Amino acid sequence: QVQLVESGGGLVQAGGSLTLSCAASGRTFSTYVMGWFRQAPGKEREFVATISRGGGFTYYADSVKGRFTISRDNAKNTQYLQMNSLKPEDTAVYYCAAHLRPYGDPSARQTTDFGSWGQGTQVTVSS
């Protein structure tokens, strides 16, 4: 498994931007599809974005498409989520996740497709 640590959350006004980072341990980071999920109070954890092993393919939830950008740097064992034009409804705990197995499907978007999770980082967007 991969150990994951998120950072970069915080409080931002609507329309603002934040960049989340997720640092992974181990030498196998580049073999895993990576993703971001979020969970708002009282709601289930939901898919935000995924990125293929080499970074060439990305997938987004409709709610964030055009505003969020997922990326990764395999040399640094790190993935990122650039969030622009933030809205109050983006308020949630954001989780970094690694696919359940190496060489997994980059279009996966169910929480059960992912086997390693970070501790989460809070993003709060004020109106």
Foldseek 3Di string as FASTA:
>chain_A
DKAKAKDWADEEAAQAKTKMKIAIDDLCLLQWKKFKWWDDPPGDIWGAKIAHSVRPDMDGDPVQPPFWDWGDDSVRRMIMIIGGRDDQVVWTWMKMFTAPDGPDDRPDIDPVRTDYIHPTDTHGYHD
